[in-house]
Amino acid sequence: MPSGVLSAIFVNLLTEDNLPYYTRALGTAFGAEGSWGEWMCRWTAEEGRHSIVLRDWVTVSRILDPVALERGRMQQVSCGVAPDPWSAEATLVYVALQELATRVAHFNTAKALDDEAGYEIMKRVAADENLHFLFYRDLTRAAIEVDPSLMVNVMERVVGAFAMPGTGIAGFSGHTSAIADAGIYSLAVYHDQVLAPTLRYWQVDELSNLDAEASQARDRMLAHVKRVGRIGERAEQQRLQRQAEMTPSKG
């Protein structure tokens, strides 16, 4: 398989392996009792299935070197690196974007696979992540209705610093470059399939009851989103040009 596809499988799996630290972050933000505690435990159980089924598949298929994969898992989980938003509101915004980004990454990996079993597994995992995304997306929208100014100020900080989890993974920078070169997950994908549609659903640009600080924060955030879109589009054009140059001409 192309190196970018292998990197996507590797990063996706090790990100799922880092589940204990994501559970800790959710527990810190929302508490472990009552409805939130019940949701967090159920979410943890569902996410745990993802790492199990992905590892079973790559072990049986030998698509990845199991020794290198286990060394990567030990390093990733031993580091305990995970996003840690500063408030419950920030956590809502972050996990909504992160769950959608994860769904997109899994599904785009599935489409790039020349392996029927792998395709079905990655597609199933992506469908689970989409359900999690919808939950957090709609909770965030409800929070916007309660306190739009607070949520817009939070959004600006989260969006401005957003990055997919995985910084503790060995060779993470090289893997992300290979994944982007494969067209699986890149800045353009993040803008077009994650950031822009989610903010559009939250109707951020249509909110009319913001205080002065939140209104300025919204303007800065929307300007940032446009910059991300422009940079992502240029990078995508360069990627396609490189592919065209490497493709042998016929005749």
Protein backbone atom coordinates (compact mmCIF):
# COMPACT_ATOMS: atom_id res chain seq x y z
CA MET A 1 0.00 0.00 0.00
CA PRO A 2 1.14 3.61 -0.50
CA SER A 3 3.06 5.03 2.43
CA GLY A 4 0.38 7.65 3.11
CA VAL A 5 -2.29 4.97 3.53
CA LEU A 6 -0.05 2.97 5.87
CA SER A 7 0.67 6.12 7.87
CA ALA A 8 -3.07 6.82 8.12
CA ILE A 9 -3.76 3.32 9.47
CA PHE A 10 -0.86 3.64 11.94
CA VAL A 11 -1.89 7.07 13.23
CA ASN A 12 -5.60 6.25 13.35
CA LEU A 13 -4.97 3.12 15.39
CA LEU A 14 -2.51 4.68 17.84
CA THR A 15 -4.88 7.60 18.34
CA GLU A 16 -7.61 5.13 19.32
CA ASP A 17 -5.12 3.39 21.62
CA ASN A 18 -4.66 6.63 23.55
CA LEU A 19 -8.25 6.34 24.83
CA PRO A 20 -7.46 6.39 28.59
CA TYR A 21 -6.20 9.94 28.38
CA TYR A 22 -9.17 11.18 26.37
CA THR A 23 -11.47 9.63 28.96
CA ARG A 24 -9.53 11.44 31.67
CA ALA A 25 -9.95 14.75 29.83
CA LEU A 26 -13.71 14.26 29.51
CA GLY A 27 -14.01 13.30 33.17
CA THR A 28 -12.09 16.41 34.19
CA ALA A 29 -14.31 18.63 32.06
CA PHE A 30 -17.72 17.20 32.89
CA GLY A 31 -17.32 14.99 35.96
CA ALA A 32 -17.87 11.27 36.22
CA GLU A 33 -21.28 11.22 37.90
CA GLY A 34 -24.86 11.30 36.64
CA SER A 35 -25.75 11.52 32.98
CA TRP A 36 -22.29 12.73 31.98
CA GLY A 37 -20.63 9.85 33.77
CA GLU A 38 -22.95 7.37 32.07
CA TRP A 39 -22.23 8.91 28.67
CA MET A 40 -18.48 8.95 29.27
CA CYS A 41 -18.41 5.28 30.22
CA ARG A 42 -20.47 4.30 27.19
CA TRP A 43 -18.33 6.46 24.90
CA THR A 44 -15.17 4.88 26.34
CA ALA A 45 -16.54 1.38 25.72
CA GLU A 46 -17.43 2.21 22.11
CA GLU A 47 -14.10 3.86 21.41
CA GLY A 48 -12.30 0.88 22.93
CA ARG A 49 -13.91 -1.37 20.30
CA HIS A 50 -12.29 0.73 17.59
CA SER A 51 -8.74 0.01 18.68
CA ILE A 52 -9.61 -3.67 19.18
CA VAL A 53 -11.07 -4.23 15.72
CA LEU A 54 -8.40 -2.16 13.96
CA ARG A 55 -5.58 -4.04 15.68
CA ASP A 56 -7.20 -7.42 14.98
CA TRP A 57 -7.44 -6.50 11.30
CA VAL A 58 -3.86 -5.23 10.89
CA THR A 59 -2.52 -8.20 12.87
CA VAL A 60 -4.33 -10.78 10.73
CA SER A 61 -3.67 -9.00 7.45
CA ARG A 62 -0.05 -8.08 8.34
CA ILE A 63 -0.60 -4.70 6.69
CA LEU A 64 1.54 -3.14 9.43
CA ASP A 65 4.61 -4.52 11.15
CA PRO A 66 3.20 -5.72 14.51
CA VAL A 67 6.49 -5.11 16.33
CA ALA A 68 6.74 -1.52 15.11
CA LEU A 69 3.06 -1.02 15.91
CA GLU A 70 3.44 -2.28 19.47
CA ARG A 71 6.51 -0.12 20.04
CA GLY A 72 4.53 2.84 18.76
CA ARG A 73 1.64 2.01 21.07
CA MET A 74 3.92 1.78 24.09
CA GLN A 75 5.51 5.13 23.30
CA GLN A 76 2.18 6.83 22.61
CA VAL A 77 0.37 5.57 25.70
CA SER A 78 3.41 6.02 27.95
CA CYS A 79 3.54 9.71 26.99
CA GLY A 80 -0.10 10.28 27.89
CA VAL A 81 -0.35 13.26 25.55
CA ALA A 82 -3.94 14.34 24.94
CA PRO A 83 -5.77 17.62 24.31
CA ASP A 84 -6.90 19.22 27.55
CA PRO A 85 -9.31 22.12 26.90
CA TRP A 86 -9.57 24.59 29.76
CA SER A 87 -13.35 24.45 30.37
CA ALA A 88 -16.46 22.37 29.75
CA GLU A 89 -17.51 24.78 26.98
CA ALA A 90 -14.12 24.55 25.29
CA THR A 91 -14.25 20.76 25.57
CA LEU A 92 -17.62 20.69 23.79
CA VAL A 93 -16.29 22.73 20.88
CA TYR A 94 -13.06 20.75 20.67
CA VAL A 95 -14.59 17.29 20.78
CA ALA A 96 -17.22 18.23 18.19
CA LEU A 97 -14.47 19.20 15.74
CA GLN A 98 -12.23 16.32 16.77
CA GLU A 99 -14.90 13.63 16.38
CA LEU A 100 -15.77 14.90 12.91
CA ALA A 101 -12.11 15.11 11.94
CA THR A 102 -11.62 11.54 13.15
CA ARG A 103 -14.66 10.37 11.17
CA VAL A 104 -13.32 12.03 8.04
CA ALA A 105 -9.84 10.56 8.57
CA HIS A 106 -11.20 7.03 9.06
CA PHE A 107 -13.59 7.21 6.12
CA ASN A 108 -11.02 8.70 3.73
CA THR A 109 -8.61 5.97 4.80
CA ALA A 110 -11.28 3.38 4.03
CA LYS A 111 -11.74 4.79 0.52
CA ALA A 112 -7.99 4.62 -0.09
CA LEU A 113 -7.72 0.93 0.91
CA ASP A 114 -7.40 -1.90 -1.55
CA ASP A 115 -8.67 -4.33 1.06
CA GLU A 116 -12.35 -5.23 1.36
CA ALA A 117 -12.27 -6.20 5.03
CA GLY A 118 -10.28 -3.10 5.93
CA TYR A 119 -12.69 -0.92 4.01
CA GLU A 120 -15.72 -2.27 5.86
CA ILE A 121 -13.98 -1.98 9.25
CA MET A 122 -12.81 1.59 8.71
CA LYS A 123 -16.23 2.58 7.37
CA ARG A 124 -17.93 1.11 10.46
CA VAL A 125 -15.55 2.94 12.79
CA ALA A 126 -16.18 6.17 10.87
CA ALA A 127 -19.94 5.69 11.31
CA ASP A 128 -19.49 5.38 15.09
CA GLU A 129 -17.38 8.53 15.15
CA ASN A 130 -20.08 10.35 13.21
CA LEU A 131 -22.66 9.50 15.89
CA HIS A 132 -20.32 10.88 18.54
CA PHE A 133 -19.80 14.01 16.44
CA LEU A 134 -23.55 14.61 16.10
CA PHE A 135 -23.95 14.35 19.88
CA TYR A 136 -21.27 16.95 20.61
CA ARG A 137 -22.25 19.15 17.66
CA ASP A 138 -25.83 19.45 18.86
CA LEU A 139 -24.80 19.99 22.50
CA THR A 140 -22.58 22.85 21.36
CA ARG A 141 -25.44 24.37 19.40
CA ALA A 142 -27.64 24.19 22.50
CA ALA A 143 -24.88 25.88 24.52
CA ILE A 144 -24.73 28.66 21.91
CA GLU A 145 -28.44 29.25 22.44
CA VAL A 146 -27.88 29.56 26.19
CA ASP A 147 -24.86 31.89 26.07
CA PRO A 148 -23.81 32.87 22.54
CA SER A 149 -21.15 35.39 23.55
CA LEU A 150 -19.37 32.94 25.86
CA MET A 151 -19.43 30.19 23.25
CA VAL A 152 -18.14 32.39 20.43
CA ASN A 153 -15.23 33.54 22.59
CA VAL A 154 -14.48 29.90 23.38
CA MET A 155 -14.76 28.90 19.72
CA GLU A 156 -12.22 31.46 18.63
CA ARG A 157 -9.60 30.06 21.01
CA VAL A 158 -10.35 26.42 20.18
CA VAL A 159 -10.47 26.91 16.41
CA GLY A 160 -7.31 29.00 16.41
CA ALA A 161 -5.33 26.27 18.19
CA PHE A 162 -7.10 23.16 16.88
CA ALA A 163 -4.97 20.18 15.89
CA MET A 164 -5.71 16.50 15.59
CA PRO A 165 -4.48 14.45 18.57
CA GLY A 166 -1.38 12.39 17.99
CA THR A 167 1.59 14.56 18.90
CA GLY A 168 2.92 11.78 21.13
CA ILE A 169 3.12 9.34 18.21
CA ALA A 170 6.64 8.52 17.01
CA GLY A 171 7.36 10.28 13.72
CA PHE A 172 4.03 12.11 13.85
CA SER A 173 5.15 14.98 11.62
CA GLY A 174 6.33 12.62 8.88
CA HIS A 175 3.15 10.58 9.10
CA THR A 176 0.92 13.65 8.80
CA SER A 177 2.85 14.81 5.74
CA ALA A 178 2.45 11.40 4.10
CA ILE A 179 -1.27 11.34 4.97
CA ALA A 180 -1.74 14.79 3.45
CA ASP A 181 0.18 13.79 0.31
CA ALA A 182 -2.19 10.85 -0.06
CA GLY A 183 -5.17 13.24 0.11
CA ILE A 184 -6.60 11.44 3.14
CA TYR A 185 -6.41 14.27 5.69
CA SER A 186 -4.88 17.65 4.95
CA LEU A 187 -5.45 21.31 5.69
CA ALA A 188 -7.84 21.48 2.74
CA VAL A 189 -9.77 18.45 4.01
CA TYR A 190 -9.89 19.95 7.51
CA HIS A 191 -11.27 23.23 6.17
CA ASP A 192 -13.73 21.82 3.65
CA GLN A 193 -15.02 18.77 5.52
CA VAL A 194 -14.64 19.69 9.20
CA LEU A 195 -14.26 23.34 10.10
CA ALA A 196 -16.41 25.20 7.56
CA PRO A 197 -19.47 22.89 7.66
CA THR A 198 -19.50 22.72 11.47
CA LEU A 199 -19.35 26.49 11.91
CA ARG A 200 -22.03 26.80 9.24
CA TYR A 201 -24.27 24.42 11.18
CA TRP A 202 -23.71 26.46 14.34
CA GLN A 203 -24.70 29.56 12.29
CA VAL A 204 -21.85 31.51 13.80
CA ASP A 205 -21.88 34.21 11.14
CA GLU A 206 -25.62 34.80 11.69
CA LEU A 207 -25.60 35.36 15.46
CA SER A 208 -26.95 38.81 16.22
CA ASN A 209 -27.03 38.88 20.02
CA LEU A 210 -23.29 38.98 20.74
CA ASP A 211 -21.55 41.44 23.03
CA ALA A 212 -18.75 43.59 21.63
CA GLU A 213 -15.95 41.22 22.72
CA ALA A 214 -17.65 38.18 21.19
CA SER A 215 -18.41 40.05 17.98
CA GLN A 216 -14.73 40.88 17.57
CA ALA A 217 -13.79 37.29 18.40
CA ARG A 218 -16.16 36.04 15.70
CA ASP A 219 -14.62 38.37 13.13
CA ARG A 220 -11.13 37.12 14.00
CA MET A 221 -12.25 33.49 13.88
CA LEU A 222 -13.97 33.81 10.50
CA ALA A 223 -10.90 35.57 9.10
CA HIS A 224 -8.77 32.69 10.42
CA VAL A 225 -11.07 30.15 8.77
CA LYS A 226 -10.71 31.96 5.44
CA ARG A 227 -6.91 31.91 5.78
CA VAL A 228 -6.99 28.19 6.52
CA GLY A 229 -9.11 27.69 3.40
CA ARG A 230 -6.75 29.67 1.18
CA ILE A 231 -3.62 27.94 2.49
CA GLY A 232 -5.28 24.53 2.22
CA GLU A 233 -6.40 25.20 -1.34
CA ARG A 234 -2.88 26.21 -2.39
CA ALA A 235 -1.41 23.12 -0.75
CA GLU A 236 -3.98 20.92 -2.48
CA GLN A 237 -3.18 22.44 -5.87
CA GLN A 238 0.52 21.81 -5.27
CA ARG A 239 -0.22 18.21 -4.27
CA LEU A 240 -2.22 17.56 -7.43
CA GLN A 241 0.51 19.17 -9.52
CA ARG A 242 3.15 16.91 -7.97
CA GLN A 243 0.98 13.89 -8.68
CA ALA A 244 0.53 14.95 -12.29
CA GLU A 245 4.27 15.42 -12.72
CA MET A 246 4.98 11.97 -11.33
CA THR A 247 2.37 10.26 -13.51
CA PRO A 248 3.95 8.88 -16.68
CA SER A 249 2.47 10.34 -19.84
CA LYS A 250 0.87 7.90 -22.28
CA GLY A 251 2.20 7.65 -25.80
